[in-house]
C-alpha atoms as a PDB file:
ATOM      1  CA  MET A   1     -47.082  24.439  -8.164  1.00  0.00           C
ATOM      2  CA  ALA A   2     -43.090  25.780  -7.134  1.00  0.00           C
ATOM      3  CA  ALA A   3     -42.810  21.991  -6.399  1.00  0.00           C
ATOM      4  CA  GLN A   4     -43.334  20.921  -9.574  1.00  0.00           C
ATOM      5  CA  ASN A   5     -40.581  23.869 -10.995  1.00  0.00           C
ATOM      6  CA  ALA A   6     -37.865  22.796  -8.680  1.00  0.00           C
ATOM      7  CA  ALA A   7     -34.587  21.552 -10.076  1.00  0.00           C
ATOM      8  CA  PRO A   8     -34.792  17.640  -9.995  1.00  0.00           C
ATOM      9  CA  GLY A   9     -32.633  16.380  -7.163  1.00  0.00           C
ATOM     10  CA  ALA A  10     -33.268  20.133  -5.400  1.00  0.00           C
ATOM     11  CA  ARG A  11     -34.926  18.385  -2.160  1.00  0.00           C
ATOM     12  CA  TRP A  12     -31.350  15.893  -1.594  1.00  0.00           C
ATOM     13  CA  VAL A  13     -29.506  19.341  -1.678  1.00  0.00           C
ATOM     14  CA  PRO A  14     -29.684  19.938   2.238  1.00  0.00           C
ATOM     15  CA  LEU A  15     -28.979  16.656   3.295  1.00  0.00           C
ATOM     16  CA  LEU A  16     -25.721  16.737   0.913  1.00  0.00           C
ATOM     17  CA  SER A  17     -23.758  17.718   4.133  1.00  0.00           C
ATOM     18  CA  PHE A  18     -24.460  15.046   5.955  1.00  0.00           C
ATOM     19  CA  GLY A  19     -22.248  13.136   3.314  1.00  0.00           C
ATOM     20  CA  THR A  20     -19.305  14.154   4.692  1.00  0.00           C
ATOM     21  CA  LEU A  21     -19.847  13.400   7.937  1.00  0.00           C
ATOM     22  CA  VAL A  22     -20.698   9.395   7.049  1.00  0.00           C
ATOM     23  CA  THR A  23     -17.386   9.511   5.085  1.00  0.00           C
ATOM     24  CA  ALA A  24     -15.914  10.716   8.520  1.00  0.00           C
ATOM     25  CA  ALA A  25     -16.991   7.888  10.059  1.00  0.00           C
ATOM     26  CA  VAL A  26     -16.681   4.987   7.272  1.00  0.00           C
ATOM     27  CA  VAL A  27     -13.531   6.266   6.441  1.00  0.00           C
ATOM     28  CA  PRO A  28     -11.374   5.204   9.389  1.00  0.00           C
ATOM     29  CA  LEU A  29     -13.669   2.256  10.187  1.00  0.00           C
ATOM     30  CA  ALA A  30     -12.527   1.167   6.510  1.00  0.00           C
ATOM     31  CA  ALA A  31      -8.622   1.492   7.358  1.00  0.00           C
ATOM     32  CA  GLY A  32      -8.746   0.081  10.855  1.00  0.00           C
ATOM     33  CA  VAL A  33     -10.338  -3.061   9.147  1.00  0.00           C
ATOM     34  CA  TYR A  34      -7.682  -3.184   6.465  1.00  0.00           C
ATOM     35  CA  LEU A  35      -4.907  -2.819   9.168  1.00  0.00           C
ATOM     36  CA  VAL A  36      -6.752  -5.763  11.157  1.00  0.00           C
ATOM     37  CA  THR A  37      -6.672  -8.257   8.571  1.00  0.00           C
ATOM     38  CA  THR A  38      -3.715  -7.434   6.779  1.00  0.00           C
ATOM     39  CA  THR A  39      -1.899  -7.922  10.162  1.00  0.00           C
ATOM     40  CA  ALA A  40      -4.008 -11.208  10.828  1.00  0.00           C
ATOM     41  CA  TRP A  41      -2.900 -12.634   7.496  1.00  0.00           C
ATOM     42  CA  THR A  42       0.458 -11.596   7.432  1.00  0.00           C
ATOM     43  CA  ALA A  43       0.660 -13.289  11.080  1.00  0.00           C
ATOM     44  CA  VAL A  44      -0.831 -16.391   9.948  1.00  0.00           C
ATOM     45  CA  GLU A  45       1.110 -16.599   6.493  1.00  0.00           C
ATOM     46  CA  ARG A  46       4.424 -16.387   8.740  1.00  0.00           C
ATOM     47  CA  ALA A  47       3.291 -18.947  11.094  1.00  0.00           C
ATOM     48  CA  VAL A  48       2.281 -21.535   8.491  1.00  0.00           C
ATOM     49  CA  LEU A  49       5.719 -21.031   6.135  1.00  0.00           C
ATOM     50  CA  SER A  50       7.873 -21.282   9.137  1.00  0.00           C
ATOM     51  CA  ARG A  51       6.105 -24.232  10.570  1.00  0.00           C
ATOM     52  CA  GLY A  52       7.869 -26.280   7.613  1.00  0.00           C
ATOM     53  CA  ALA A  53      11.057 -24.203   7.310  1.00  0.00           C
ATOM     54  CA  ARG A  54      14.089 -25.631   8.688  1.00  0.00           C
ATOM     55  CA  VAL A  55      17.130 -23.789   9.417  1.00  0.00           C
ATOM     56  CA  THR A  56      20.350 -25.707   7.591  1.00  0.00           C
ATOM     57  CA  PRO A  57      23.750 -24.326   7.935  1.00  0.00           C
ATOM     58  CA  ASP A  58      25.219 -22.924   4.522  1.00  0.00           C
ATOM     59  CA  ALA A  59      27.640 -25.105   2.451  1.00  0.00           C
ATOM     60  CA  GLY A  60      30.238 -22.784   2.792  1.00  0.00           C
ATOM     61  CA  GLU A  61      30.153 -22.747   6.803  1.00  0.00           C
ATOM     62  CA  SER A  62      31.294 -25.754   9.025  1.00  0.00           C
ATOM     63  CA  SER A  63      28.900 -27.444  11.512  1.00  0.00           C
ATOM     64  CA  ARG A  64      30.735 -27.476  14.656  1.00  0.00           C
END
């Protein structure tokens, strides 16, 4: 009968401390994935954009 009178979710309370462990494991992984993804995107973007760019002298400069 004691189990019926327990507060809803009371059996989950002892497991809540593992939430910190899961967070501590997932957050650095997510940060690493973010850094790798943004670095790769930037490298590819710069390579694609610089492929079509041509360096031309400015109008005020003489081409010697």
